[in-house]
Amino acid sequence: MKENKLWELSMAFSVDIVNLVKILKSKHESIISNQIGRSGTSIGANIHEAQYAQGKKDFISKLEIALKEASETGYWLELLYQTNYIDENTFKHLSSECASLRVLLIASCKTAKGNLER
């Protein structure tokens, strides 16, 4: 059940990131938009890949990569906010979504690692 929720949240977040990138590109911002576009959509891609992992270790590895990408995305969101490319409401909304993904990813990694040790 948790993985399904994780997949749904990551897809919604990816859609929000793609829409943000469109807005940033319309403002002629390309450096950060490229970075956040890659890291923000990579979260969901790695979660999706984890569903077809070659084993438990591969599954955990994919989730850990997604967690690292979520952390990076949080950095880019903060930078966009600090440089006034996004407003406070956008920042809070996207940061909250990103934080929720990190929480679920951490919990999923802990659970998967616990199951691996059994």
PDB file of N, CA and C in Angstrom:
ATOM      1  N   MET A   1       0.827  -1.209   0.000  1.00  0.00           N
ATOM      2  CA  MET A   1       0.000   0.000   0.000  1.00  0.00           C
ATOM      3  C   MET A   1       0.862   1.259   0.000  1.00  0.00           C
ATOM      4  N   LYS A   2       1.915   1.262   0.838  1.00  0.00           N
ATOM      5  CA  LYS A   2       2.784   2.433   0.934  1.00  0.00           C
ATOM      6  C   LYS A   2       3.450   2.731  -0.401  1.00  0.00           C
ATOM      7  N   GLU A   3       3.900   1.676  -1.125  1.00  0.00           N
ATOM      8  CA  GLU A   3       4.550   1.886  -2.410  1.00  0.00           C
ATOM      9  C   GLU A   3       3.592   2.517  -3.414  1.00  0.00           C
ATOM     10  N   ASN A   4       2.316   2.130  -3.362  1.00  0.00           N
ATOM     11  CA  ASN A   4       1.323   2.709  -4.250  1.00  0.00           C
ATOM     12  C   ASN A   4       1.165   4.206  -3.964  1.00  0.00           C
ATOM     13  N   LYS A   5       1.090   4.563  -2.701  1.00  0.00           N
ATOM     14  CA  LYS A   5       0.985   5.964  -2.292  1.00  0.00           C
ATOM     15  C   LYS A   5       2.241   6.716  -2.737  1.00  0.00           C
ATOM     16  N   LEU A   6       3.383   6.089  -2.563  1.00  0.00           N
ATOM     17  CA  LEU A   6       4.648   6.682  -2.966  1.00  0.00           C
ATOM     18  C   LEU A   6       4.671   6.926  -4.470  1.00  0.00           C
ATOM     19  N   TRP A   7       4.217   5.947  -5.233  1.00  0.00           N
ATOM     20  CA  TRP A   7       4.188   6.094  -6.688  1.00  0.00           C
ATOM     21  C   TRP A   7       3.248   7.237  -7.084  1.00  0.00           C
ATOM     22  N   GLU A   8       2.063   7.283  -6.476  1.00  0.00           N
ATOM     23  CA  GLU A   8       1.086   8.333  -6.803  1.00  0.00           C
ATOM     24  C   GLU A   8       1.618   9.723  -6.474  1.00  0.00           C
ATOM     25  N   LEU A   9       2.210   9.861  -5.290  1.00  0.00           N
ATOM     26  CA  LEU A   9       2.763  11.159  -4.901  1.00  0.00           C
ATOM     27  C   LEU A   9       3.921  11.576  -5.804  1.00  0.00           C
ATOM     28  N   SER A  10       4.760  10.606  -6.166  1.00  0.00           N
ATOM     29  CA  SER A  10       5.896  10.948  -7.019  1.00  0.00           C
ATOM     30  C   SER A  10       5.444  11.352  -8.418  1.00  0.00           C
ATOM     31  N   MET A  11       4.397  10.730  -8.912  1.00  0.00           N
ATOM     32  CA  MET A  11       3.881  11.118 -10.228  1.00  0.00           C
ATOM     33  C   MET A  11       3.287  12.526 -10.179  1.00  0.00           C
ATOM     34  N   ALA A  12       2.505  12.821  -9.143  1.00  0.00           N
ATOM     35  CA  ALA A  12       1.927  14.165  -9.006  1.00  0.00           C
ATOM     36  C   ALA A  12       3.034  15.211  -8.868  1.00  0.00           C
ATOM     37  N   PHE A  13       4.077  14.874  -8.120  1.00  0.00           N
ATOM     38  CA  PHE A  13       5.199  15.796  -7.948  1.00  0.00           C
ATOM     39  C   PHE A  13       5.927  16.006  -9.272  1.00  0.00           C
ATOM     40  N   SER A  14       6.127  14.948 -10.026  1.00  0.00           N
ATOM     41  CA  SER A  14       6.781  15.060 -11.331  1.00  0.00           C
ATOM     42  C   SER A  14       5.998  15.982 -12.264  1.00  0.00           C
ATOM     43  N   VAL A  15       4.685  15.852 -12.240  1.00  0.00           N
ATOM     44  CA  VAL A  15       3.835  16.726 -13.064  1.00  0.00           C
ATOM     45  C   VAL A  15       4.022  18.185 -12.635  1.00  0.00           C
ATOM     46  N   ASP A  16       4.038  18.412 -11.322  1.00  0.00           N
ATOM     47  CA  ASP A  16       4.252  19.776 -10.826  1.00  0.00           C
ATOM     48  C   ASP A  16       5.618  20.316 -11.237  1.00  0.00           C
ATOM     49  N   ILE A  17       6.626  19.465 -11.208  1.00  0.00           N
ATOM     50  CA  ILE A  17       7.975  19.883 -11.596  1.00  0.00           C
ATOM     51  C   ILE A  17       8.035  20.214 -13.092  1.00  0.00           C
ATOM     52  N   VAL A  18       7.420  19.380 -13.915  1.00  0.00           N
ATOM     53  CA  VAL A  18       7.404  19.658 -15.354  1.00  0.00           C
ATOM     54  C   VAL A  18       6.708  20.998 -15.616  1.00  0.00           C
ATOM     55  N   ASN A  19       5.606  21.243 -14.932  1.00  0.00           N
ATOM     56  CA  ASN A  19       4.909  22.522 -15.107  1.00  0.00           C
ATOM     57  C   ASN A  19       5.752  23.690 -14.615  1.00  0.00           C
ATOM     58  N   LEU A  20       6.486  23.502 -13.523  1.00  0.00           N
ATOM     59  CA  LEU A  20       7.392  24.536 -13.034  1.00  0.00           C
ATOM     60  C   LEU A  20       8.486  24.824 -14.063  1.00  0.00           C
ATOM     61  N   VAL A  21       9.036  23.777 -14.637  1.00  0.00           N
ATOM     62  CA  VAL A  21      10.090  23.954 -15.648  1.00  0.00           C
ATOM     63  C   VAL A  21       9.567  24.766 -16.833  1.00  0.00           C
ATOM     64  N   LYS A  22       8.345  24.506 -17.240  1.00  0.00           N
ATOM     65  CA  LYS A  22       7.746  25.281 -18.340  1.00  0.00           C
ATOM     66  C   LYS A  22       7.710  26.772 -17.992  1.00  0.00           C
ATOM     67  N   ILE A  23       7.309  27.067 -16.758  1.00  0.00           N
ATOM     68  CA  ILE A  23       7.239  28.466 -16.312  1.00  0.00           C
ATOM     69  C   ILE A  23       8.633  29.079 -16.273  1.00  0.00           C
ATOM     70  N   LEU A  24       9.585  28.338 -15.724  1.00  0.00           N
ATOM     71  CA  LEU A  24      10.960  28.850 -15.639  1.00  0.00           C
ATOM     72  C   LEU A  24      11.550  29.107 -17.024  1.00  0.00           C
ATOM     73  N   LYS A  25      11.302  28.196 -17.941  1.00  0.00           N
ATOM     74  CA  LYS A  25      11.820  28.367 -19.306  1.00  0.00           C
ATOM     75  C   LYS A  25      11.186  29.592 -19.968  1.00  0.00           C
ATOM     76  N   SER A  26       9.905  29.858 -19.660  1.00  0.00           N
ATOM     77  CA  SER A  26       9.261  31.043 -20.231  1.00  0.00           C
ATOM     78  C   SER A  26       9.874  32.334 -19.689  1.00  0.00           C
ATOM     79  N   LYS A  27      10.524  32.234 -18.509  1.00  0.00           N
ATOM     80  CA  LYS A  27      11.232  33.370 -17.919  1.00  0.00           C
ATOM     81  C   LYS A  27      12.707  33.382 -18.344  1.00  0.00           C
ATOM     82  N   HIS A  28      13.040  32.500 -19.276  1.00  0.00           N
ATOM     83  CA  HIS A  28      14.400  32.371 -19.810  1.00  0.00           C
ATOM     84  C   HIS A  28      15.409  31.916 -18.764  1.00  0.00           C
ATOM     85  N   GLU A  29      14.951  31.161 -17.779  1.00  0.00           N
ATOM     86  CA  GLU A  29      15.840  30.570 -16.785  1.00  0.00           C
ATOM     87  C   GLU A  29      16.109  29.144 -17.251  1.00  0.00           C
ATOM     88  N   SER A  30      17.362  28.836 -17.519  1.00  0.00           N
ATOM     89  CA  SER A  30      17.646  27.499 -18.052  1.00  0.00           C
ATOM     90  C   SER A  30      18.563  26.664 -17.165  1.00  0.00           C
ATOM     91  N   ILE A  31      19.425  27.274 -16.396  1.00  0.00           N
ATOM     92  CA  ILE A  31      20.376  26.501 -15.600  1.00  0.00           C
ATOM     93  C   ILE A  31      19.655  25.691 -14.520  1.00  0.00           C
ATOM     94  N   ILE A  32      18.928  26.376 -13.654  1.00  0.00           N
ATOM     95  CA  ILE A  32      18.257  25.680 -12.555  1.00  0.00           C
ATOM     96  C   ILE A  32      17.080  24.859 -13.071  1.00  0.00           C
ATOM     97  N   SER A  33      16.394  25.357 -14.085  1.00  0.00           N
ATOM     98  CA  SER A  33      15.241  24.605 -14.603  1.00  0.00           C
ATOM     99  C   SER A  33      15.673  23.248 -15.147  1.00  0.00           C
ATOM    100  N   ASN A  34      16.822  23.188 -15.800  1.00  0.00           N
ATOM    101  CA  ASN A  34      17.318  21.899 -16.283  1.00  0.00           C
ATOM    102  C   ASN A  34      17.644  20.968 -15.119  1.00  0.00           C
ATOM    103  N   GLN A  35      18.283  21.524 -14.103  1.00  0.00           N
ATOM    104  CA  GLN A  35      18.682  20.717 -12.942  1.00  0.00           C
ATOM    105  C   GLN A  35      17.460  20.176 -12.195  1.00  0.00           C
ATOM    106  N   ILE A  36      16.515  21.066 -11.878  1.00  0.00           N
ATOM    107  CA  ILE A  36      15.350  20.637 -11.109  1.00  0.00           C
ATOM    108  C   ILE A  36      14.451  19.732 -11.947  1.00  0.00           C
ATOM    109  N   GLY A  37      14.450  19.948 -13.248  1.00  0.00           N
ATOM    110  CA  GLY A  37      13.685  19.061 -14.129  1.00  0.00           C
ATOM    111  C   GLY A  37      14.206  17.644 -14.078  1.00  0.00           C
ATOM    112  N   ARG A  38      15.524  17.504 -14.086  1.00  0.00           N
ATOM    113  CA  ARG A  38      16.124  16.165 -14.019  1.00  0.00           C
ATOM    114  C   ARG A  38      15.929  15.523 -12.647  1.00  0.00           C
ATOM    115  N   SER A  39      16.291  16.258 -11.592  1.00  0.00           N
ATOM    116  CA  SER A  39      16.216  15.647 -10.257  1.00  0.00           C
ATOM    117  C   SER A  39      14.771  15.417  -9.822  1.00  0.00           C
ATOM    118  N   GLY A  40      13.899  16.372 -10.116  1.00  0.00           N
ATOM    119  CA  GLY A  40      12.500  16.265  -9.680  1.00  0.00           C
ATOM    120  C   GLY A  40      11.727  15.136 -10.341  1.00  0.00           C
ATOM    121  N   THR A  41      12.028  14.871 -11.602  1.00  0.00           N
ATOM    122  CA  THR A  41      11.328  13.772 -12.288  1.00  0.00           C
ATOM    123  C   THR A  41      12.028  12.437 -12.069  1.00  0.00           C
ATOM    124  N   SER A  42      13.294  12.488 -11.696  1.00  0.00           N
ATOM    125  CA  SER A  42      14.045  11.261 -11.424  1.00  0.00           C
ATOM    126  C   SER A  42      13.521  10.540 -10.190  1.00  0.00           C
ATOM    127  N   ILE A  43      12.933  11.282  -9.266  1.00  0.00           N
ATOM    128  CA  ILE A  43      12.378  10.671  -8.051  1.00  0.00           C
ATOM    129  C   ILE A  43      11.362   9.604  -8.451  1.00  0.00           C
ATOM    130  N   GLY A  44      10.383  10.006  -9.227  1.00  0.00           N
ATOM    131  CA  GLY A  44       9.332   9.075  -9.655  1.00  0.00           C
ATOM    132  C   GLY A  44       9.856   7.977 -10.557  1.00  0.00           C
ATOM    133  N   ALA A  45      10.816   8.310 -11.415  1.00  0.00           N
ATOM    134  CA  ALA A  45      11.380   7.302 -12.321  1.00  0.00           C
ATOM    135  C   ALA A  45      12.059   6.192 -11.526  1.00  0.00           C
ATOM    136  N   ASN A  46      12.789   6.560 -10.487  1.00  0.00           N
ATOM    137  CA  ASN A  46      13.462   5.549  -9.672  1.00  0.00           C
ATOM    138  C   ASN A  46      12.478   4.745  -8.830  1.00  0.00           C
ATOM    139  N   ILE A  47      11.431   5.381  -8.360  1.00  0.00           N
ATOM    140  CA  ILE A  47      10.389   4.652  -7.624  1.00  0.00           C
ATOM    141  C   ILE A  47       9.720   3.647  -8.552  1.00  0.00           C
ATOM    142  N   HIS A  48       9.456   4.068  -9.773  1.00  0.00           N
ATOM    143  CA  HIS A  48       8.850   3.163 -10.753  1.00  0.00           C
ATOM    144  C   HIS A  48       9.794   1.998 -11.058  1.00  0.00           C
ATOM    145  N   GLU A  49      11.073   2.305 -11.256  1.00  0.00           N
ATOM    146  CA  GLU A  49      12.049   1.245 -11.516  1.00  0.00           C
ATOM    147  C   GLU A  49      12.138   0.258 -10.360  1.00  0.00           C
ATOM    148  N   ALA A  50      12.000   0.754  -9.139  1.00  0.00           N
ATOM    149  CA  ALA A  50      12.094  -0.115  -7.959  1.00  0.00           C
ATOM    150  C   ALA A  50      11.027  -1.204  -7.981  1.00  0.00           C
ATOM    151  N   GLN A  51       9.896  -0.919  -8.585  1.00  0.00           N
ATOM    152  CA  GLN A  51       8.819  -1.907  -8.641  1.00  0.00           C
ATOM    153  C   GLN A  51       9.213  -3.128  -9.478  1.00  0.00           C
ATOM    154  N   TYR A  52      10.225  -2.958 -10.312  1.00  0.00           N
ATOM    155  CA  TYR A  52      10.688  -4.048 -11.177  1.00  0.00           C
ATOM    156  C   TYR A  52      12.147  -4.387 -10.886  1.00  0.00           C
ATOM    157  N   ALA A  53      12.531  -4.210  -9.624  1.00  0.00           N
ATOM    158  CA  ALA A  53      13.907  -4.461  -9.205  1.00  0.00           C
ATOM    159  C   ALA A  53      14.263  -5.932  -9.379  1.00  0.00           C
ATOM    160  N   GLN A  54      15.561  -6.176  -9.511  1.00  0.00           N
ATOM    161  CA  GLN A  54      16.054  -7.532  -9.712  1.00  0.00           C
ATOM    162  C   GLN A  54      16.235  -8.281  -8.397  1.00  0.00           C
ATOM    163  N   GLY A  55      15.908  -7.661  -7.320  1.00  0.00           N
ATOM    164  CA  GLY A  55      16.008  -8.282  -6.006  1.00  0.00           C
ATOM    165  C   GLY A  55      15.833  -7.216  -4.939  1.00  0.00           C
ATOM    166  N   LYS A  56      15.903  -7.634  -3.679  1.00  0.00           N
ATOM    167  CA  LYS A  56      15.687  -6.692  -2.580  1.00  0.00           C
ATOM    168  C   LYS A  56      16.756  -5.606  -2.525  1.00  0.00           C
ATOM    169  N   LYS A  57      18.006  -5.982  -2.771  1.00  0.00           N
ATOM    170  CA  LYS A  57      19.081  -4.985  -2.734  1.00  0.00           C
ATOM    171  C   LYS A  57      18.912  -3.949  -3.845  1.00  0.00           C
ATOM    172  N   ASP A  58      18.518  -4.393  -5.012  1.00  0.00           N
ATOM    173  CA  ASP A  58      18.278  -3.483  -6.126  1.00  0.00           C
ATOM    174  C   ASP A  58      17.099  -2.562  -5.811  1.00  0.00           C
ATOM    175  N   PHE A  59      16.062  -3.126  -5.197  1.00  0.00           N
ATOM    176  CA  PHE A  59      14.891  -2.357  -4.787  1.00  0.00           C
ATOM    177  C   PHE A  59      15.303  -1.231  -3.836  1.00  0.00           C
ATOM    178  N   ILE A  60      16.087  -1.586  -2.826  1.00  0.00           N
ATOM    179  CA  ILE A  60      16.551  -0.599  -1.847  1.00  0.00           C
ATOM    180  C   ILE A  60      17.413   0.452  -2.530  1.00  0.00           C
ATOM    181  N   SER A  61      18.286   0.029  -3.419  1.00  0.00           N
ATOM    182  CA  SER A  61      19.164   0.960  -4.131  1.00  0.00           C
ATOM    183  C   SER A  61      18.355   1.988  -4.917  1.00  0.00           C
ATOM    184  N   LYS A  62      17.323   1.547  -5.598  1.00  0.00           N
ATOM    185  CA  LYS A  62      16.490   2.474  -6.385  1.00  0.00           C
ATOM    186  C   LYS A  62      15.792   3.485  -5.471  1.00  0.00           C
ATOM    187  N   LEU A  63      15.288   3.006  -4.327  1.00  0.00           N
ATOM    188  CA  LEU A  63      14.624   3.920  -3.401  1.00  0.00           C
ATOM    189  C   LEU A  63      15.616   4.912  -2.802  1.00  0.00           C
ATOM    190  N   GLU A  64      16.828   4.456  -2.532  1.00  0.00           N
ATOM    191  CA  GLU A  64      17.847   5.360  -2.000  1.00  0.00           C
ATOM    192  C   GLU A  64      18.259   6.408  -3.028  1.00  0.00           C
ATOM    193  N   ILE A  65      18.314   6.023  -4.282  1.00  0.00           N
ATOM    194  CA  ILE A  65      18.600   6.999  -5.346  1.00  0.00           C
ATOM    195  C   ILE A  65      17.469   8.022  -5.412  1.00  0.00           C
ATOM    196  N   ALA A  66      16.229   7.559  -5.323  1.00  0.00           N
ATOM    197  CA  ALA A  66      15.078   8.473  -5.331  1.00  0.00           C
ATOM    198  C   ALA A  66      15.168   9.448  -4.159  1.00  0.00           C
ATOM    199  N   LEU A  67      15.597   8.952  -3.003  1.00  0.00           N
ATOM    200  CA  LEU A  67      15.747   9.811  -1.831  1.00  0.00           C
ATOM    201  C   LEU A  67      16.817  10.880  -2.065  1.00  0.00           C
ATOM    202  N   LYS A  68      17.937  10.495  -2.655  1.00  0.00           N
ATOM    203  CA  LYS A  68      18.992  11.460  -2.965  1.00  0.00           C
ATOM    204  C   LYS A  68      18.482  12.511  -3.956  1.00  0.00           C
ATOM    205  N   GLU A  69      17.712  12.082  -4.939  1.00  0.00           N
ATOM    206  CA  GLU A  69      17.163  13.023  -5.924  1.00  0.00           C
ATOM    207  C   GLU A  69      16.165  13.972  -5.261  1.00  0.00           C
ATOM    208  N   ALA A  70      15.400  13.472  -4.304  1.00  0.00           N
ATOM    209  CA  ALA A  70      14.450  14.325  -3.577  1.00  0.00           C
ATOM    210  C   ALA A  70      15.198  15.370  -2.761  1.00  0.00           C
ATOM    211  N   SER A  71      16.302  14.965  -2.162  1.00  0.00           N
ATOM    212  CA  SER A  71      17.111  15.907  -1.399  1.00  0.00           C
ATOM    213  C   SER A  71      17.677  16.998  -2.317  1.00  0.00           C
ATOM    214  N   GLU A  72      18.179  16.583  -3.466  1.00  0.00           N
ATOM    215  CA  GLU A  72      18.706  17.556  -4.430  1.00  0.00           C
ATOM    216  C   GLU A  72      17.605  18.501  -4.905  1.00  0.00           C
ATOM    217  N   THR A  73      16.436  17.968  -5.164  1.00  0.00           N
ATOM    218  CA  THR A  73      15.317  18.789  -5.629  1.00  0.00           C
ATOM    219  C   THR A  73      14.949  19.829  -4.587  1.00  0.00           C
ATOM    220  N   GLY A  74      14.985  19.433  -3.311  1.00  0.00           N
ATOM    221  CA  GLY A  74      14.728  20.391  -2.235  1.00  0.00           C
ATOM    222  C   GLY A  74      15.707  21.556  -2.265  1.00  0.00           C
ATOM    223  N   TYR A  75      16.962  21.261  -2.575  1.00  0.00           N
ATOM    224  CA  TYR A  75      17.976  22.309  -2.697  1.00  0.00           C
ATOM    225  C   TYR A  75      17.619  23.268  -3.833  1.00  0.00           C
ATOM    226  N   TRP A  76      17.272  22.729  -4.991  1.00  0.00           N
ATOM    227  CA  TRP A  76      16.946  23.581  -6.142  1.00  0.00           C
ATOM    228  C   TRP A  76      15.713  24.433  -5.855  1.00  0.00           C
ATOM    229  N   LEU A  77      14.734  23.869  -5.157  1.00  0.00           N
ATOM    230  CA  LEU A  77      13.543  24.656  -4.801  1.00  0.00           C
ATOM    231  C   LEU A  77      13.924  25.828  -3.911  1.00  0.00           C
ATOM    232  N   GLU A  78      14.776  25.566  -2.926  1.00  0.00           N
ATOM    233  CA  GLU A  78      15.230  26.644  -2.031  1.00  0.00           C
ATOM    234  C   GLU A  78      15.970  27.723  -2.828  1.00  0.00           C
ATOM    235  N   LEU A  79      16.816  27.304  -3.751  1.00  0.00           N
ATOM    236  CA  LEU A  79      17.561  28.263  -4.568  1.00  0.00           C
ATOM    237  C   LEU A  79      16.630  29.092  -5.457  1.00  0.00           C
ATOM    238  N   LEU A  80      15.634  28.443  -6.041  1.00  0.00           N
ATOM    239  CA  LEU A  80      14.664  29.173  -6.864  1.00  0.00           C
ATOM    240  C   LEU A  80      13.902  30.203  -6.038  1.00  0.00           C
ATOM    241  N   TYR A  81      13.574  29.828  -4.823  1.00  0.00           N
ATOM    242  CA  TYR A  81      12.866  30.757  -3.936  1.00  0.00           C
ATOM    243  C   TYR A  81      13.776  31.917  -3.525  1.00  0.00           C
ATOM    244  N   GLN A  82      14.998  31.605  -3.137  1.00  0.00           N
ATOM    245  CA  GLN A  82      15.935  32.637  -2.681  1.00  0.00           C
ATOM    246  C   GLN A  82      16.314  33.611  -3.799  1.00  0.00           C
ATOM    247  N   THR A  83      16.208  33.167  -5.046  1.00  0.00           N
ATOM    248  CA  THR A  83      16.536  34.035  -6.187  1.00  0.00           C
ATOM    249  C   THR A  83      15.284  34.632  -6.847  1.00  0.00           C
ATOM    250  N   ASN A  84      14.150  34.473  -6.183  1.00  0.00           N
ATOM    251  CA  ASN A  84      12.879  35.067  -6.608  1.00  0.00           C
ATOM    252  C   ASN A  84      12.342  34.539  -7.935  1.00  0.00           C
ATOM    253  N   TYR A  85      12.719  33.327  -8.294  1.00  0.00           N
ATOM    254  CA  TYR A  85      12.127  32.711  -9.485  1.00  0.00           C
ATOM    255  C   TYR A  85      10.772  32.086  -9.171  1.00  0.00           C
ATOM    256  N   ILE A  86      10.577  31.710  -7.907  1.00  0.00           N
ATOM    257  CA  ILE A  86       9.265  31.205  -7.490  1.00  0.00           C
ATOM    258  C   ILE A  86       8.819  31.968  -6.247  1.00  0.00           C
ATOM    259  N   ASP A  87       7.510  32.118  -6.112  1.00  0.00           N
ATOM    260  CA  ASP A  87       6.982  32.848  -4.958  1.00  0.00           C
ATOM    261  C   ASP A  87       6.882  31.920  -3.739  1.00  0.00           C
ATOM    262  N   GLU A  88       6.548  32.509  -2.622  1.00  0.00           N
ATOM    263  CA  GLU A  88       6.505  31.765  -1.361  1.00  0.00           C
ATOM    264  C   GLU A  88       5.484  30.631  -1.380  1.00  0.00           C
ATOM    265  N   ASN A  89       4.319  30.875  -1.946  1.00  0.00           N
ATOM    266  CA  ASN A  89       3.285  29.828  -1.986  1.00  0.00           C
ATOM    267  C   ASN A  89       3.729  28.629  -2.822  1.00  0.00           C
ATOM    268  N   THR A  90       4.323  28.908  -3.971  1.00  0.00           N
ATOM    269  CA  THR A  90       4.830  27.833  -4.828  1.00  0.00           C
ATOM    270  C   THR A  90       5.923  27.060  -4.103  1.00  0.00           C
ATOM    271  N   PHE A  91       6.835  27.799  -3.476  1.00  0.00           N
ATOM    272  CA  PHE A  91       7.916  27.174  -2.734  1.00  0.00           C
ATOM    273  C   PHE A  91       7.372  26.267  -1.624  1.00  0.00           C
ATOM    274  N   LYS A  92       6.451  26.789  -0.838  1.00  0.00           N
ATOM    275  CA  LYS A  92       5.892  26.005   0.282  1.00  0.00           C
ATOM    276  C   LYS A  92       5.177  24.764  -0.215  1.00  0.00           C
ATOM    277  N   HIS A  93       4.411  24.906  -1.277  1.00  0.00           N
ATOM    278  CA  HIS A  93       3.670  23.771  -1.825  1.00  0.00           C
ATOM    279  C   HIS A  93       4.615  22.685  -2.328  1.00  0.00           C
ATOM    280  N   LEU A  94       5.566  23.077  -3.165  1.00  0.00           N
ATOM    281  CA  LEU A  94       6.486  22.087  -3.737  1.00  0.00           C
ATOM    282  C   LEU A  94       7.424  21.509  -2.677  1.00  0.00           C
ATOM    283  N   SER A  95       7.864  22.331  -1.747  1.00  0.00           N
ATOM    284  CA  SER A  95       8.727  21.832  -0.665  1.00  0.00           C
ATOM    285  C   SER A  95       7.994  20.835   0.213  1.00  0.00           C
ATOM    286  N   SER A  96       6.728  21.100   0.462  1.00  0.00           N
ATOM    287  CA  SER A  96       5.927  20.182   1.268  1.00  0.00           C
ATOM    288  C   SER A  96       5.758  18.836   0.558  1.00  0.00           C
ATOM    289  N   GLU A  97       5.473  18.884  -0.745  1.00  0.00           N
ATOM    290  CA  GLU A  97       5.358  17.642  -1.517  1.00  0.00           C
ATOM    291  C   GLU A  97       6.677  16.868  -1.498  1.00  0.00           C
ATOM    292  N   CYS A  98       7.767  17.596  -1.671  1.00  0.00           N
ATOM    293  CA  CYS A  98       9.090  16.976  -1.704  1.00  0.00           C
ATOM    294  C   CYS A  98       9.423  16.361  -0.335  1.00  0.00           C
ATOM    295  N   ALA A  99       9.102  17.071   0.727  1.00  0.00           N
ATOM    296  CA  ALA A  99       9.349  16.556   2.081  1.00  0.00           C
ATOM    297  C   ALA A  99       8.514  15.301   2.351  1.00  0.00           C
ATOM    298  N   SER A 100       7.275  15.291   1.884  1.00  0.00           N
ATOM    299  CA  SER A 100       6.424  14.103   2.054  1.00  0.00           C
ATOM    300  C   SER A 100       7.027  12.899   1.339  1.00  0.00           C
ATOM    301  N   LEU A 101       7.552  13.132   0.154  1.00  0.00           N
ATOM    302  CA  LEU A 101       8.212  12.049  -0.581  1.00  0.00           C
ATOM    303  C   LEU A 101       9.440  11.541   0.178  1.00  0.00           C
ATOM    304  N   ARG A 102      10.224  12.464   0.733  1.00  0.00           N
ATOM    305  CA  ARG A 102      11.409  12.047   1.494  1.00  0.00           C
ATOM    306  C   ARG A 102      11.014  11.205   2.706  1.00  0.00           C
ATOM    307  N   VAL A 103       9.982  11.619   3.414  1.00  0.00           N
ATOM    308  CA  VAL A 103       9.526  10.875   4.595  1.00  0.00           C
ATOM    309  C   VAL A 103       9.106   9.460   4.199  1.00  0.00           C
ATOM    310  N   LEU A 104       8.311   9.353   3.138  1.00  0.00           N
ATOM    311  CA  LEU A 104       7.869   8.030   2.684  1.00  0.00           C
ATOM    312  C   LEU A 104       9.029   7.185   2.173  1.00  0.00           C
ATOM    313  N   LEU A 105       9.969   7.809   1.500  1.00  0.00           N
ATOM    314  CA  LEU A 105      11.128   7.074   0.994  1.00  0.00           C
ATOM    315  C   LEU A 105      12.000   6.567   2.139  1.00  0.00           C
ATOM    316  N   ILE A 106      12.214   7.394   3.149  1.00  0.00           N
ATOM    317  CA  ILE A 106      13.000   6.967   4.304  1.00  0.00           C
ATOM    318  C   ILE A 106      12.324   5.787   4.987  1.00  0.00           C
ATOM    319  N   ALA A 107      11.004   5.881   5.188  1.00  0.00           N
ATOM    320  CA  ALA A 107      10.266   4.792   5.826  1.00  0.00           C
ATOM    321  C   ALA A 107      10.317   3.516   4.978  1.00  0.00           C
ATOM    322  N   SER A 108      10.176   3.673   3.676  1.00  0.00           N
ATOM    323  CA  SER A 108      10.211   2.514   2.783  1.00  0.00           C
ATOM    324  C   SER A 108      11.592   1.864   2.783  1.00  0.00           C
ATOM    325  N   CYS A 109      12.636   2.681   2.797  1.00  0.00           N
ATOM    326  CA  CYS A 109      14.006   2.139   2.843  1.00  0.00           C
ATOM    327  C   CYS A 109      14.241   1.381   4.146  1.00  0.00           C
ATOM    328  N   LYS A 110      13.800   1.948   5.255  1.00  0.00           N
ATOM    329  CA  LYS A 110      13.972   1.278   6.555  1.00  0.00           C
ATOM    330  C   LYS A 110      13.231  -0.049   6.579  1.00  0.00           C
ATOM    331  N   THR A 111      12.015  -0.058   6.086  1.00  0.00           N
ATOM    332  CA  THR A 111      11.225  -1.280   6.056  1.00  0.00           C
ATOM    333  C   THR A 111      11.886  -2.326   5.168  1.00  0.00           C
ATOM    334  N   ALA A 112      12.312  -1.902   3.986  1.00  0.00           N
ATOM    335  CA  ALA A 112      12.951  -2.844   3.044  1.00  0.00           C
ATOM    336  C   ALA A 112      14.246  -3.403   3.613  1.00  0.00           C
ATOM    337  N   LYS A 113      15.025  -2.557   4.267  1.00  0.00           N
ATOM    338  CA  LYS A 113      16.273  -3.023   4.886  1.00  0.00           C
ATOM    339  C   LYS A 113      15.987  -3.992   6.036  1.00  0.00           C
ATOM    340  N   GLY A 114      14.947  -3.700   6.791  1.00  0.00           N
ATOM    341  CA  GLY A 114      14.547  -4.608   7.873  1.00  0.00           C
ATOM    342  C   GLY A 114      14.128  -5.961   7.330  1.00  0.00           C
ATOM    343  N   ASN A 115      13.402  -5.959   6.236  1.00  0.00           N
ATOM    344  CA  ASN A 115      12.974  -7.217   5.603  1.00  0.00           C
ATOM    345  C   ASN A 115      14.149  -7.973   5.006  1.00  0.00           C
ATOM    346  N   LEU A 116      15.150  -7.254   4.584  1.00  0.00           N
ATOM    347  CA  LEU A 116      16.347  -7.877   4.002  1.00  0.00           C
ATOM    348  C   LEU A 116      17.128  -8.652   5.049  1.00  0.00           C
ATOM    349  N   GLU A 117      17.125  -8.148   6.276  1.00  0.00           N
ATOM    350  CA  GLU A 117      17.880  -8.772   7.359  1.00  0.00           C
ATOM    351  C   GLU A 117      17.204 -10.021   7.913  1.00  0.00           C
ATOM    352  N   ARG A 118      15.966 -10.228   7.599  1.00  0.00           N
ATOM    353  CA  ARG A 118      15.224 -11.385   8.127  1.00  0.00           C
ATOM    354  C   ARG A 118      15.592 -12.663   7.436  1.00  0.00           C
TER     355      ARG A 118
END
